[in-house]
Amino acid sequence: MPKRILQGVVTSDKNEQTITVLVERRFKHPLLQKTVRKSKKYRAHDAENKFKVGDAVRIEECAPISKSKRWTVVTDAQA
């Protein structure tokens, strides 16, 4: 099964080797047909501490690294 890759914006980089990424998804409501925005925060592993707040990044699923980290940073979203 392929690993999921999500794109989002870094909202926190205070922890060592960890960033918090806010991923937003948009979809049409099934009944009202209105575009709905939902967001979710993911904790991702950033080994070199190179990403800062406001950076757009891509994260990929991985094996559990800690209690809350199941994602790792792949690259900048622009690259």
Protein backbone atom coordinates (compact mmCIF):
# COMPACT_ATOMS: atom_id res chain seq x y z
CA MET A 1 0.00 0.00 0.00
CA PRO A 2 1.47 3.42 -0.92
CA LYS A 3 2.29 5.92 1.78
CA ARG A 4 0.08 9.00 2.01
CA ILE A 5 1.70 12.37 1.31
CA LEU A 6 0.03 15.53 2.63
CA GLN A 7 0.86 19.20 2.14
CA GLY A 8 0.52 21.82 4.85
CA VAL A 9 2.01 24.76 6.73
CA VAL A 10 4.28 24.57 9.78
CA THR A 11 2.51 26.05 12.83
CA SER A 12 5.05 25.16 15.54
CA ASP A 13 8.75 24.21 15.65
CA LYS A 14 9.36 24.55 19.40
CA ASN A 15 10.13 20.87 20.05
CA GLU A 16 13.46 19.29 19.15
CA GLN A 17 13.28 17.35 15.83
CA THR A 18 9.49 17.83 15.68
CA ILE A 19 7.22 20.22 13.81
CA THR A 20 3.46 20.65 13.88
CA VAL A 21 1.90 20.86 10.43
CA LEU A 22 -1.59 22.21 9.73
CA VAL A 23 -3.16 20.39 6.76
CA GLU A 24 -6.33 21.87 5.26
CA ARG A 25 -8.68 19.96 2.99
CA ARG A 26 -11.63 21.30 1.00
CA PHE A 27 -14.68 19.38 -0.14
CA LYS A 28 -18.26 19.97 -1.15
CA HIS A 29 -20.92 19.29 1.47
CA PRO A 30 -22.98 16.31 0.23
CA LEU A 31 -26.37 17.96 0.80
CA LEU A 32 -25.78 21.71 0.73
CA GLN A 33 -23.14 21.65 -2.04
CA LYS A 34 -21.19 24.34 -0.18
CA THR A 35 -17.39 24.18 -0.11
CA VAL A 36 -16.30 23.22 3.40
CA ARG A 37 -12.79 23.74 4.81
CA LYS A 38 -11.55 21.28 7.43
CA SER A 39 -8.12 21.33 8.98
CA LYS A 40 -6.10 18.93 11.08
CA LYS A 41 -2.73 19.17 12.80
CA TYR A 42 -0.09 16.47 12.40
CA ARG A 43 3.19 16.09 14.31
CA ALA A 44 6.05 15.31 11.94
CA HIS A 45 9.69 14.31 12.39
CA ASP A 46 12.19 16.97 11.27
CA ALA A 47 15.64 15.46 11.90
CA GLU A 48 17.73 18.55 11.05
CA ASN A 49 15.39 21.16 12.62
CA LYS A 50 15.48 23.04 9.32
CA PHE A 51 11.79 24.00 8.95
CA LYS A 52 10.41 27.11 10.66
CA VAL A 53 6.91 28.47 11.35
CA GLY A 54 5.15 29.49 8.14
CA ASP A 55 7.06 27.12 5.82
CA ALA A 56 4.99 25.04 3.38
CA VAL A 57 6.04 21.37 3.63
CA ARG A 58 5.09 17.90 2.45
CA ILE A 59 4.82 15.12 5.03
CA GLU A 60 4.74 11.36 4.47
CA GLU A 61 3.37 8.51 6.56
CA CYS A 62 5.95 6.39 8.36
CA ALA A 63 6.30 3.87 11.16
CA PRO A 64 5.63 5.33 14.64
CA ILE A 65 8.59 7.39 15.85
CA SER A 66 7.07 8.39 19.21
CA LYS A 67 3.69 8.47 20.94
CA SER A 68 2.37 11.22 18.66
CA LYS A 69 4.68 11.18 15.61
CA ARG A 70 3.64 9.00 12.65
CA TRP A 71 4.74 11.38 9.88
CA THR A 72 8.10 12.54 8.53
CA VAL A 73 8.95 15.64 6.50
CA VAL A 74 9.74 14.87 2.86
CA THR A 75 10.59 18.26 1.28
CA ASP A 76 9.52 21.86 0.90
CA ALA A 77 6.12 22.07 -0.78
CA GLN A 78 7.50 24.32 -3.55
CA ALA A 79 10.20 21.82 -4.57
